[in-house]
């Protein structure tokens, strides 16, 4: 599965609309889902013209939405206008290591 490890929704495929709770408006999101780990590798929501990281509460809601309400989007991403890749997209910041030294 390495060649299609990551399922990606972003500006290069299709953004993903999500309702984060009752009475809320649809929020556009971009995400990377790691199918090997069954986990969200990165997720951001759009606020105005900016992309902001999801809070822990938002991530829990979003993970449940993807894995339980829309598992077919992860199983067949192309049918949902999503893309797959063996690598993380450029907008995902790689974790930085702690600086060396005293």
PDB file of N, CA and C in Angstrom:
ATOM      1  N   UNK A   1       0.810  -1.196   0.000  1.00  0.00           N
ATOM      2  CA  UNK A   1       0.000   0.000   0.000  1.00  0.00           C
ATOM      3  C   UNK A   1       0.856   1.262   0.000  1.00  0.00           C
ATOM      4  N   UNK A   2       2.154   1.173   0.068  1.00  0.00           N
ATOM      5  CA  UNK A   2       3.026   2.338   0.180  1.00  0.00           C
ATOM      6  C   UNK A   2       2.787   3.353  -0.930  1.00  0.00           C
ATOM      7  N   UNK A   3       2.466   2.901  -2.147  1.00  0.00           N
ATOM      8  CA  UNK A   3       2.287   3.851  -3.239  1.00  0.00           C
ATOM      9  C   UNK A   3       1.058   4.730  -3.058  1.00  0.00           C
ATOM     10  N   UNK A   4       0.124   4.324  -2.216  1.00  0.00           N
ATOM     11  CA  UNK A   4      -1.057   5.150  -1.972  1.00  0.00           C
ATOM     12  C   UNK A   4      -1.376   5.213  -0.486  1.00  0.00           C
ATOM     13  N   UNK A   5      -0.325   5.361   0.306  1.00  0.00           N
ATOM     14  CA  UNK A   5      -0.473   5.379   1.766  1.00  0.00           C
ATOM     15  C   UNK A   5      -1.360   6.526   2.242  1.00  0.00           C
ATOM     16  N   UNK A   6      -1.169   7.713   1.657  1.00  0.00           N
ATOM     17  CA  UNK A   6      -1.868   8.895   2.140  1.00  0.00           C
ATOM     18  C   UNK A   6      -3.040   9.259   1.235  1.00  0.00           C
ATOM     19  N   UNK A   7      -4.188   9.504   1.847  1.00  0.00           N
ATOM     20  CA  UNK A   7      -5.353  10.049   1.148  1.00  0.00           C
ATOM     21  C   UNK A   7      -5.352  11.541   1.453  1.00  0.00           C
ATOM     22  N   UNK A   8      -5.454  12.350   0.397  1.00  0.00           N
ATOM     23  CA  UNK A   8      -5.276  13.793   0.553  1.00  0.00           C
ATOM     24  C   UNK A   8      -6.459  14.558  -0.029  1.00  0.00           C
ATOM     25  N   UNK A   9      -6.953  15.493   0.761  1.00  0.00           N
ATOM     26  CA  UNK A   9      -7.933  16.480   0.293  1.00  0.00           C
ATOM     27  C   UNK A   9      -7.267  17.835   0.452  1.00  0.00           C
ATOM     28  N   UNK A  10      -7.064  18.529  -0.654  1.00  0.00           N
ATOM     29  CA  UNK A  10      -6.466  19.864  -0.597  1.00  0.00           C
ATOM     30  C   UNK A  10      -6.741  20.608  -1.892  1.00  0.00           C
ATOM     31  N   UNK A  11      -6.091  21.729  -2.073  1.00  0.00           N
ATOM     32  CA  UNK A  11      -6.325  22.557  -3.252  1.00  0.00           C
ATOM     33  C   UNK A  11      -5.926  21.859  -4.548  1.00  0.00           C
ATOM     34  N   UNK A  12      -5.079  20.854  -4.470  1.00  0.00           N
ATOM     35  CA  UNK A  12      -4.650  20.124  -5.667  1.00  0.00           C
ATOM     36  C   UNK A  12      -5.588  18.974  -6.031  1.00  0.00           C
ATOM     37  N   UNK A  13      -6.575  18.726  -5.215  1.00  0.00           N
ATOM     38  CA  UNK A  13      -7.562  17.688  -5.516  1.00  0.00           C
ATOM     39  C   UNK A  13      -8.936  18.294  -5.287  1.00  0.00           C
ATOM     40  N   UNK A  14      -9.447  18.128  -4.111  1.00  0.00           N
ATOM     41  CA  UNK A  14     -10.736  18.692  -3.748  1.00  0.00           C
ATOM     42  C   UNK A  14     -10.722  18.943  -2.250  1.00  0.00           C
ATOM     43  N   UNK A  15     -11.118  20.126  -1.839  1.00  0.00           N
ATOM     44  CA  UNK A  15     -11.240  20.396  -0.411  1.00  0.00           C
ATOM     45  C   UNK A  15     -12.416  19.598   0.131  1.00  0.00           C
ATOM     46  N   UNK A  16     -12.449  19.394   1.422  1.00  0.00           N
ATOM     47  CA  UNK A  16     -13.484  18.589   2.056  1.00  0.00           C
ATOM     48  C   UNK A  16     -14.325  19.490   2.949  1.00  0.00           C
ATOM     49  N   UNK A  17     -15.621  19.543   2.699  1.00  0.00           N
ATOM     50  CA  UNK A  17     -16.529  20.300   3.547  1.00  0.00           C
ATOM     51  C   UNK A  17     -16.944  19.469   4.748  1.00  0.00           C
ATOM     52  N   UNK A  18     -17.004  20.111   5.915  1.00  0.00           N
ATOM     53  CA  UNK A  18     -17.347  19.377   7.137  1.00  0.00           C
ATOM     54  C   UNK A  18     -18.159  20.268   8.067  1.00  0.00           C
ATOM     55  N   UNK A  19     -19.145  19.669   8.734  1.00  0.00           N
ATOM     56  CA  UNK A  19     -19.923  20.340   9.776  1.00  0.00           C
ATOM     57  C   UNK A  19     -19.361  19.882  11.119  1.00  0.00           C
ATOM     58  N   UNK A  20     -18.814  20.811  11.895  1.00  0.00           N
ATOM     59  CA  UNK A  20     -18.190  20.432  13.162  1.00  0.00           C
ATOM     60  C   UNK A  20     -19.177  20.306  14.313  1.00  0.00           C
ATOM     61  N   UNK A  21     -20.425  20.572  14.084  1.00  0.00           N
ATOM     62  CA  UNK A  21     -21.416  20.383  15.134  1.00  0.00           C
ATOM     63  C   UNK A  21     -22.771  20.869  14.673  1.00  0.00           C
ATOM     64  N   UNK A  22     -23.801  20.544  15.451  1.00  0.00           N
ATOM     65  CA  UNK A  22     -25.155  20.974  15.100  1.00  0.00           C
ATOM     66  C   UNK A  22     -25.235  22.501  15.024  1.00  0.00           C
ATOM     67  N   UNK A  23     -25.892  22.982  14.004  1.00  0.00           N
ATOM     68  CA  UNK A  23     -26.088  24.415  13.853  1.00  0.00           C
ATOM     69  C   UNK A  23     -24.890  25.176  13.326  1.00  0.00           C
ATOM     70  N   UNK A  24     -23.827  24.463  12.959  1.00  0.00           N
ATOM     71  CA  UNK A  24     -22.651  25.151  12.419  1.00  0.00           C
ATOM     72  C   UNK A  24     -22.718  25.159  10.901  1.00  0.00           C
ATOM     73  N   UNK A  25     -22.040  26.113  10.321  1.00  0.00           N
ATOM     74  CA  UNK A  25     -21.940  26.167   8.866  1.00  0.00           C
ATOM     75  C   UNK A  25     -20.875  25.189   8.396  1.00  0.00           C
ATOM     76  N   UNK A  26     -20.972  24.803   7.132  1.00  0.00           N
ATOM     77  CA  UNK A  26     -19.957  23.934   6.560  1.00  0.00           C
ATOM     78  C   UNK A  26     -18.621  24.668   6.543  1.00  0.00           C
ATOM     79  N   UNK A  27     -17.591  23.978   6.988  1.00  0.00           N
ATOM     80  CA  UNK A  27     -16.234  24.510   7.013  1.00  0.00           C
ATOM     81  C   UNK A  27     -15.407  23.729   6.010  1.00  0.00           C
ATOM     82  N   UNK A  28     -14.659  24.441   5.180  1.00  0.00           N
ATOM     83  CA  UNK A  28     -13.778  23.759   4.233  1.00  0.00           C
ATOM     84  C   UNK A  28     -12.521  23.313   4.973  1.00  0.00           C
ATOM     85  N   UNK A  29     -12.099  22.104   4.675  1.00  0.00           N
ATOM     86  CA  UNK A  29     -10.931  21.531   5.332  1.00  0.00           C
ATOM     87  C   UNK A  29      -9.988  20.953   4.284  1.00  0.00           C
ATOM     88  N   UNK A  30      -8.757  20.778   4.714  1.00  0.00           N
ATOM     89  CA  UNK A  30      -7.807  19.988   3.936  1.00  0.00           C
ATOM     90  C   UNK A  30      -7.174  19.029   4.927  1.00  0.00           C
ATOM     91  N   UNK A  31      -6.917  17.811   4.439  1.00  0.00           N
ATOM     92  CA  UNK A  31      -6.399  16.802   5.357  1.00  0.00           C
ATOM     93  C   UNK A  31      -5.533  15.794   4.630  1.00  0.00           C
ATOM     94  N   UNK A  32      -4.758  15.076   5.437  1.00  0.00           N
ATOM     95  CA  UNK A  32      -3.988  13.922   4.978  1.00  0.00           C
ATOM     96  C   UNK A  32      -4.331  12.790   5.932  1.00  0.00           C
ATOM     97  N   UNK A  33      -4.848  11.707   5.376  1.00  0.00           N
ATOM     98  CA  UNK A  33      -5.172  10.531   6.181  1.00  0.00           C
ATOM     99  C   UNK A  33      -4.171   9.437   5.858  1.00  0.00           C
ATOM    100  N   UNK A  34      -3.521   8.914   6.890  1.00  0.00           N
ATOM    101  CA  UNK A  34      -2.528   7.848   6.749  1.00  0.00           C
ATOM    102  C   UNK A  34      -3.252   6.513   6.874  1.00  0.00           C
ATOM    103  N   UNK A  35      -3.390   5.808   5.758  1.00  0.00           N
ATOM    104  CA  UNK A  35      -4.132   4.545   5.775  1.00  0.00           C
ATOM    105  C   UNK A  35      -3.365   3.437   6.477  1.00  0.00           C
ATOM    106  N   UNK A  36      -2.040   3.508   6.528  1.00  0.00           N
ATOM    107  CA  UNK A  36      -1.278   2.481   7.244  1.00  0.00           C
ATOM    108  C   UNK A  36      -1.472   2.609   8.751  1.00  0.00           C
ATOM    109  N   UNK A  37      -1.576   3.831   9.242  1.00  0.00           N
ATOM    110  CA  UNK A  37      -1.736   4.082  10.677  1.00  0.00           C
ATOM    111  C   UNK A  37      -3.203   4.263  11.082  1.00  0.00           C
ATOM    112  N   UNK A  38      -4.097   4.343  10.090  1.00  0.00           N
ATOM    113  CA  UNK A  38      -5.514   4.630  10.333  1.00  0.00           C
ATOM    114  C   UNK A  38      -5.658   5.889  11.192  1.00  0.00           C
ATOM    115  N   UNK A  39      -4.933   6.927  10.777  1.00  0.00           N
ATOM    116  CA  UNK A  39      -4.895   8.158  11.563  1.00  0.00           C
ATOM    117  C   UNK A  39      -4.797   9.368  10.640  1.00  0.00           C
ATOM    118  N   UNK A  40      -5.227  10.490  11.158  1.00  0.00           N
ATOM    119  CA  UNK A  40      -5.077  11.745  10.433  1.00  0.00           C
ATOM    120  C   UNK A  40      -3.652  12.231  10.645  1.00  0.00           C
ATOM    121  N   UNK A  41      -2.912  12.370   9.562  1.00  0.00           N
ATOM    122  CA  UNK A  41      -1.523  12.833   9.644  1.00  0.00           C
ATOM    123  C   UNK A  41      -1.453  14.355   9.718  1.00  0.00           C
ATOM    124  N   UNK A  42      -2.416  15.033   9.125  1.00  0.00           N
ATOM    125  CA  UNK A  42      -2.481  16.493   9.152  1.00  0.00           C
ATOM    126  C   UNK A  42      -3.903  16.908   8.813  1.00  0.00           C
ATOM    127  N   UNK A  43      -4.362  17.981   9.441  1.00  0.00           N
ATOM    128  CA  UNK A  43      -5.701  18.488   9.141  1.00  0.00           C
ATOM    129  C   UNK A  43      -5.779  19.961   9.519  1.00  0.00           C
ATOM    130  N   UNK A  44      -6.341  20.734   8.616  1.00  0.00           N
ATOM    131  CA  UNK A  44      -6.517  22.163   8.844  1.00  0.00           C
ATOM    132  C   UNK A  44      -7.909  22.568   8.387  1.00  0.00           C
ATOM    133  N   UNK A  45      -8.423  23.629   8.996  1.00  0.00           N
ATOM    134  CA  UNK A  45      -9.713  24.169   8.576  1.00  0.00           C
ATOM    135  C   UNK A  45      -9.510  25.590   8.089  1.00  0.00           C
ATOM    136  N   UNK A  46     -10.366  25.991   7.167  1.00  0.00           N
ATOM    137  CA  UNK A  46     -10.240  27.313   6.567  1.00  0.00           C
ATOM    138  C   UNK A  46     -11.024  28.321   7.395  1.00  0.00           C
ATOM    139  N   UNK A  47     -10.364  29.420   7.722  1.00  0.00           N
ATOM    140  CA  UNK A  47     -11.004  30.524   8.446  1.00  0.00           C
ATOM    141  C   UNK A  47     -10.663  31.797   7.687  1.00  0.00           C
ATOM    142  N   UNK A  48     -11.636  32.326   6.962  1.00  0.00           N
ATOM    143  CA  UNK A  48     -11.344  33.448   6.079  1.00  0.00           C
ATOM    144  C   UNK A  48     -10.425  32.959   4.982  1.00  0.00           C
ATOM    145  N   UNK A  49      -9.311  33.624   4.793  1.00  0.00           N
ATOM    146  CA  UNK A  49      -8.351  33.195   3.779  1.00  0.00           C
ATOM    147  C   UNK A  49      -7.199  32.399   4.347  1.00  0.00           C
ATOM    148  N   UNK A  50      -7.262  32.052   5.630  1.00  0.00           N
ATOM    149  CA  UNK A  50      -6.143  31.363   6.287  1.00  0.00           C
ATOM    150  C   UNK A  50      -6.488  29.914   6.590  1.00  0.00           C
ATOM    151  N   UNK A  51      -5.445  29.095   6.665  1.00  0.00           N
ATOM    152  CA  UNK A  51      -5.587  27.706   7.090  1.00  0.00           C
ATOM    153  C   UNK A  51      -5.087  27.607   8.522  1.00  0.00           C
ATOM    154  N   UNK A  52      -5.935  27.059   9.404  1.00  0.00           N
ATOM    155  CA  UNK A  52      -5.595  26.919  10.818  1.00  0.00           C
ATOM    156  C   UNK A  52      -5.620  25.450  11.209  1.00  0.00           C
ATOM    157  N   UNK A  53      -4.728  25.037  12.126  1.00  0.00           N
ATOM    158  CA  UNK A  53      -4.757  23.646  12.576  1.00  0.00           C
ATOM    159  C   UNK A  53      -6.048  23.358  13.344  1.00  0.00           C
ATOM    160  N   UNK A  54      -6.534  22.140  13.209  1.00  0.00           N
ATOM    161  CA  UNK A  54      -7.722  21.739  13.963  1.00  0.00           C
ATOM    162  C   UNK A  54      -7.344  21.530  15.427  1.00  0.00           C
ATOM    163  N   UNK A  55      -8.289  21.859  16.324  1.00  0.00           N
ATOM    164  CA  UNK A  55      -8.101  21.586  17.744  1.00  0.00           C
ATOM    165  C   UNK A  55      -8.250  20.082  17.977  1.00  0.00           C
ATOM    166  N   UNK A  56      -7.891  19.621  19.157  1.00  0.00           N
ATOM    167  CA  UNK A  56      -8.046  18.199  19.486  1.00  0.00           C
ATOM    168  C   UNK A  56      -9.504  17.767  19.365  1.00  0.00           C
ATOM    169  N   UNK A  57     -10.420  18.617  19.820  1.00  0.00           N
ATOM    170  CA  UNK A  57     -11.850  18.303  19.728  1.00  0.00           C
ATOM    171  C   UNK A  57     -12.288  18.200  18.268  1.00  0.00           C
ATOM    172  N   UNK A  58     -11.825  19.130  17.450  1.00  0.00           N
ATOM    173  CA  UNK A  58     -12.154  19.096  16.027  1.00  0.00           C
ATOM    174  C   UNK A  58     -11.589  17.836  15.376  1.00  0.00           C
ATOM    175  N   UNK A  59     -10.340  17.486  15.729  1.00  0.00           N
ATOM    176  CA  UNK A  59      -9.711  16.289  15.154  1.00  0.00           C
ATOM    177  C   UNK A  59     -10.481  15.027  15.502  1.00  0.00           C
ATOM    178  N   UNK A  60     -10.928  14.909  16.751  1.00  0.00           N
ATOM    179  CA  UNK A  60     -11.691  13.724  17.164  1.00  0.00           C
ATOM    180  C   UNK A  60     -12.985  13.631  16.362  1.00  0.00           C
ATOM    181  N   UNK A  61     -13.679  14.748  16.212  1.00  0.00           N
ATOM    182  CA  UNK A  61     -14.916  14.794  15.443  1.00  0.00           C
ATOM    183  C   UNK A  61     -14.652  14.451  13.985  1.00  0.00           C
ATOM    184  N   UNK A  62     -13.585  15.014  13.440  1.00  0.00           N
ATOM    185  CA  UNK A  62     -13.249  14.822  12.033  1.00  0.00           C
ATOM    186  C   UNK A  62     -12.834  13.380  11.753  1.00  0.00           C
ATOM    187  N   UNK A  63     -12.034  12.777  12.643  1.00  0.00           N
ATOM    188  CA  UNK A  63     -11.609  11.380  12.468  1.00  0.00           C
ATOM    189  C   UNK A  63     -12.832  10.466  12.459  1.00  0.00           C
ATOM    190  N   UNK A  64     -13.754  10.692  13.390  1.00  0.00           N
ATOM    191  CA  UNK A  64     -14.978   9.892  13.436  1.00  0.00           C
ATOM    192  C   UNK A  64     -15.766  10.057  12.139  1.00  0.00           C
ATOM    193  N   UNK A  65     -15.847  11.269  11.655  1.00  0.00           N
ATOM    194  CA  UNK A  65     -16.561  11.560  10.406  1.00  0.00           C
ATOM    195  C   UNK A  65     -15.951  10.791   9.232  1.00  0.00           C
ATOM    196  N   UNK A  66     -14.625  10.804   9.134  1.00  0.00           N
ATOM    197  CA  UNK A  66     -13.972  10.120   8.013  1.00  0.00           C
ATOM    198  C   UNK A  66     -14.068   8.608   8.121  1.00  0.00           C
ATOM    199  N   UNK A  67     -13.748   8.070   9.283  1.00  0.00           N
ATOM    200  CA  UNK A  67     -13.641   6.617   9.408  1.00  0.00           C
ATOM    201  C   UNK A  67     -14.980   5.911   9.591  1.00  0.00           C
ATOM    202  N   UNK A  68     -15.944   6.571  10.205  1.00  0.00           N
ATOM    203  CA  UNK A  68     -17.224   5.913  10.466  1.00  0.00           C
ATOM    204  C   UNK A  68     -18.345   6.349   9.525  1.00  0.00           C
ATOM    205  N   UNK A  69     -18.417   7.636   9.224  1.00  0.00           N
ATOM    206  CA  UNK A  69     -19.503   8.120   8.367  1.00  0.00           C
ATOM    207  C   UNK A  69     -19.153   8.067   6.881  1.00  0.00           C
ATOM    208  N   UNK A  70     -17.857   8.149   6.560  1.00  0.00           N
ATOM    209  CA  UNK A  70     -17.441   8.183   5.152  1.00  0.00           C
ATOM    210  C   UNK A  70     -16.269   7.256   4.860  1.00  0.00           C
ATOM    211  N   UNK A  71     -16.310   6.005   5.303  1.00  0.00           N
ATOM    212  CA  UNK A  71     -15.170   5.116   5.054  1.00  0.00           C
ATOM    213  C   UNK A  71     -14.937   4.859   3.567  1.00  0.00           C
ATOM    214  N   UNK A  72     -15.984   4.985   2.758  1.00  0.00           N
ATOM    215  CA  UNK A  72     -15.821   4.774   1.318  1.00  0.00           C
ATOM    216  C   UNK A  72     -14.931   5.841   0.685  1.00  0.00           C
ATOM    217  N   UNK A  73     -14.860   7.022   1.273  1.00  0.00           N
ATOM    218  CA  UNK A  73     -13.964   8.062   0.752  1.00  0.00           C
ATOM    219  C   UNK A  73     -12.507   7.662   0.948  1.00  0.00           C
ATOM    220  N   UNK A  74     -12.224   6.940   2.025  1.00  0.00           N
ATOM    221  CA  UNK A  74     -10.859   6.478   2.272  1.00  0.00           C
ATOM    222  C   UNK A  74     -10.552   5.220   1.469  1.00  0.00           C
ATOM    223  N   UNK A  75     -11.562   4.403   1.223  1.00  0.00           N
ATOM    224  CA  UNK A  75     -11.368   3.166   0.458  1.00  0.00           C
ATOM    225  C   UNK A  75     -11.249   3.434  -1.041  1.00  0.00           C
ATOM    226  N   UNK A  76     -11.965   4.446  -1.538  1.00  0.00           N
ATOM    227  CA  UNK A  76     -11.953   4.776  -2.969  1.00  0.00           C
ATOM    228  C   UNK A  76     -11.838   6.292  -3.139  1.00  0.00           C
ATOM    229  N   UNK A  77     -10.669   6.855  -2.826  1.00  0.00           N
ATOM    230  CA  UNK A  77     -10.507   8.309  -2.843  1.00  0.00           C
ATOM    231  C   UNK A  77     -10.852   8.966  -4.177  1.00  0.00           C
ATOM    232  N   UNK A  78     -10.500   8.345  -5.284  1.00  0.00           N
ATOM    233  CA  UNK A  78     -10.743   8.956  -6.594  1.00  0.00           C
ATOM    234  C   UNK A  78     -12.232   9.211  -6.828  1.00  0.00           C
ATOM    235  N   UNK A  79     -13.082   8.351  -6.317  1.00  0.00           N
ATOM    236  CA  UNK A  79     -14.524   8.526  -6.475  1.00  0.00           C
ATOM    237  C   UNK A  79     -15.026   9.765  -5.732  1.00  0.00           C
ATOM    238  N   UNK A  80     -14.240  10.251  -4.787  1.00  0.00           N
ATOM    239  CA  UNK A  80     -14.592  11.432  -3.994  1.00  0.00           C
ATOM    240  C   UNK A  80     -13.731  12.642  -4.382  1.00  0.00           C
ATOM    241  N   UNK A  81     -13.056  12.562  -5.515  1.00  0.00           N
ATOM    242  CA  UNK A  81     -12.161  13.624  -5.993  1.00  0.00           C
ATOM    243  C   UNK A  81     -11.003  13.894  -5.039  1.00  0.00           C
ATOM    244  N   UNK A  82     -10.583  12.870  -4.333  1.00  0.00           N
ATOM    245  CA  UNK A  82      -9.413  12.963  -3.465  1.00  0.00           C
ATOM    246  C   UNK A  82      -8.243  12.322  -4.188  1.00  0.00           C
ATOM    247  N   UNK A  83      -7.043  12.583  -3.713  1.00  0.00           N
ATOM    248  CA  UNK A  83      -5.876  11.974  -4.344  1.00  0.00           C
ATOM    249  C   UNK A  83      -5.117  11.141  -3.327  1.00  0.00           C
ATOM    250  N   UNK A  84      -4.236  10.304  -3.826  1.00  0.00           N
ATOM    251  CA  UNK A  84      -3.381   9.499  -2.962  1.00  0.00           C
ATOM    252  C   UNK A  84      -1.928   9.777  -3.318  1.00  0.00           C
ATOM    253  N   UNK A  85      -1.059   9.512  -2.364  1.00  0.00           N
ATOM    254  CA  UNK A  85       0.359   9.757  -2.578  1.00  0.00           C
ATOM    255  C   UNK A  85       1.162   8.945  -1.572  1.00  0.00           C
ATOM    256  N   UNK A  86       2.392   8.570  -1.933  1.00  0.00           N
ATOM    257  CA  UNK A  86       3.267   7.916  -0.967  1.00  0.00           C
ATOM    258  C   UNK A  86       3.925   8.934  -0.035  1.00  0.00           C
ATOM    259  N   UNK A  87       3.788  10.230  -0.350  1.00  0.00           N
ATOM    260  CA  UNK A  87       4.443  11.288   0.423  1.00  0.00           C
ATOM    261  C   UNK A  87       3.436  12.320   0.907  1.00  0.00           C
ATOM    262  N   UNK A  88       3.810  13.009   1.977  1.00  0.00           N
ATOM    263  CA  UNK A  88       2.991  14.099   2.481  1.00  0.00           C
ATOM    264  C   UNK A  88       3.062  15.282   1.519  1.00  0.00           C
ATOM    265  N   UNK A  89       1.979  16.035   1.377  1.00  0.00           N
ATOM    266  CA  UNK A  89       2.019  17.211   0.508  1.00  0.00           C
ATOM    267  C   UNK A  89       2.887  18.315   1.119  1.00  0.00           C
ATOM    268  N   UNK A  90       3.272  19.275   0.291  1.00  0.00           N
ATOM    269  CA  UNK A  90       4.160  20.351   0.730  1.00  0.00           C
ATOM    270  C   UNK A  90       3.588  21.197   1.861  1.00  0.00           C
ATOM    271  N   UNK A  91       2.271  21.340   1.941  1.00  0.00           N
ATOM    272  CA  UNK A  91       1.695  22.197   2.972  1.00  0.00           C
ATOM    273  C   UNK A  91       1.788  21.596   4.370  1.00  0.00           C
ATOM    274  N   UNK A  92       2.105  20.318   4.470  1.00  0.00           N
ATOM    275  CA  UNK A  92       2.275  19.682   5.783  1.00  0.00           C
ATOM    276  C   UNK A  92       3.702  19.937   6.245  1.00  0.00           C
ATOM    277  N   UNK A  93       3.820  20.564   7.395  1.00  0.00           N
ATOM    278  CA  UNK A  93       5.145  20.848   7.930  1.00  0.00           C
ATOM    279  C   UNK A  93       5.721  19.599   8.562  1.00  0.00           C
ATOM    280  N   UNK A  94       6.944  19.293   8.193  1.00  0.00           N
ATOM    281  CA  UNK A  94       7.630  18.150   8.795  1.00  0.00           C
ATOM    282  C   UNK A  94       7.956  18.493  10.239  1.00  0.00           C
ATOM    283  N   UNK A  95       7.841  17.515  11.139  1.00  0.00           N
ATOM    284  CA  UNK A  95       8.189  17.793  12.533  1.00  0.00           C
ATOM    285  C   UNK A  95       9.661  18.187  12.637  1.00  0.00           C
ATOM    286  N   UNK A  96       9.923  19.155  13.471  1.00  0.00           N
ATOM    287  CA  UNK A  96      11.303  19.582  13.661  1.00  0.00           C
ATOM    288  C   UNK A  96      11.876  18.909  14.891  1.00  0.00           C
ATOM    289  N   UNK A  97      13.148  18.584  14.821  1.00  0.00           N
ATOM    290  CA  UNK A  97      13.787  17.968  15.978  1.00  0.00           C
ATOM    291  C   UNK A  97      14.209  19.062  16.950  1.00  0.00           C
ATOM    292  N   UNK A  98      14.389  18.673  18.189  1.00  0.00           N
ATOM    293  CA  UNK A  98      14.815  19.626  19.217  1.00  0.00           C
ATOM    294  C   UNK A  98      16.227  20.102  18.903  1.00  0.00           C
ATOM    295  N   UNK A  99      16.504  21.364  19.176  1.00  0.00           N
ATOM    296  CA  UNK A  99      17.851  21.855  18.905  1.00  0.00           C
ATOM    297  C   UNK A  99      18.881  21.138  19.767  1.00  0.00           C
ATOM    298  N   UNK A 100      20.039  20.904  19.188  1.00  0.00           N
ATOM    299  CA  UNK A 100      21.112  20.237  19.923  1.00  0.00           C
ATOM    300  C   UNK A 100      21.865  21.252  20.765  1.00  0.00           C
ATOM    301  N   UNK A 101      22.488  20.781  21.813  1.00  0.00           N
ATOM    302  CA  UNK A 101      23.312  21.658  22.638  1.00  0.00           C
ATOM    303  C   UNK A 101      22.747  21.835  24.027  1.00  0.00           C
ATOM    304  N   UNK A 102      23.473  22.618  24.832  1.00  0.00           N
ATOM    305  CA  UNK A 102      23.057  22.793  26.241  1.00  0.00           C
ATOM    306  C   UNK A 102      21.801  23.597  26.395  1.00  0.00           C
TER     307      UNK A 102
END
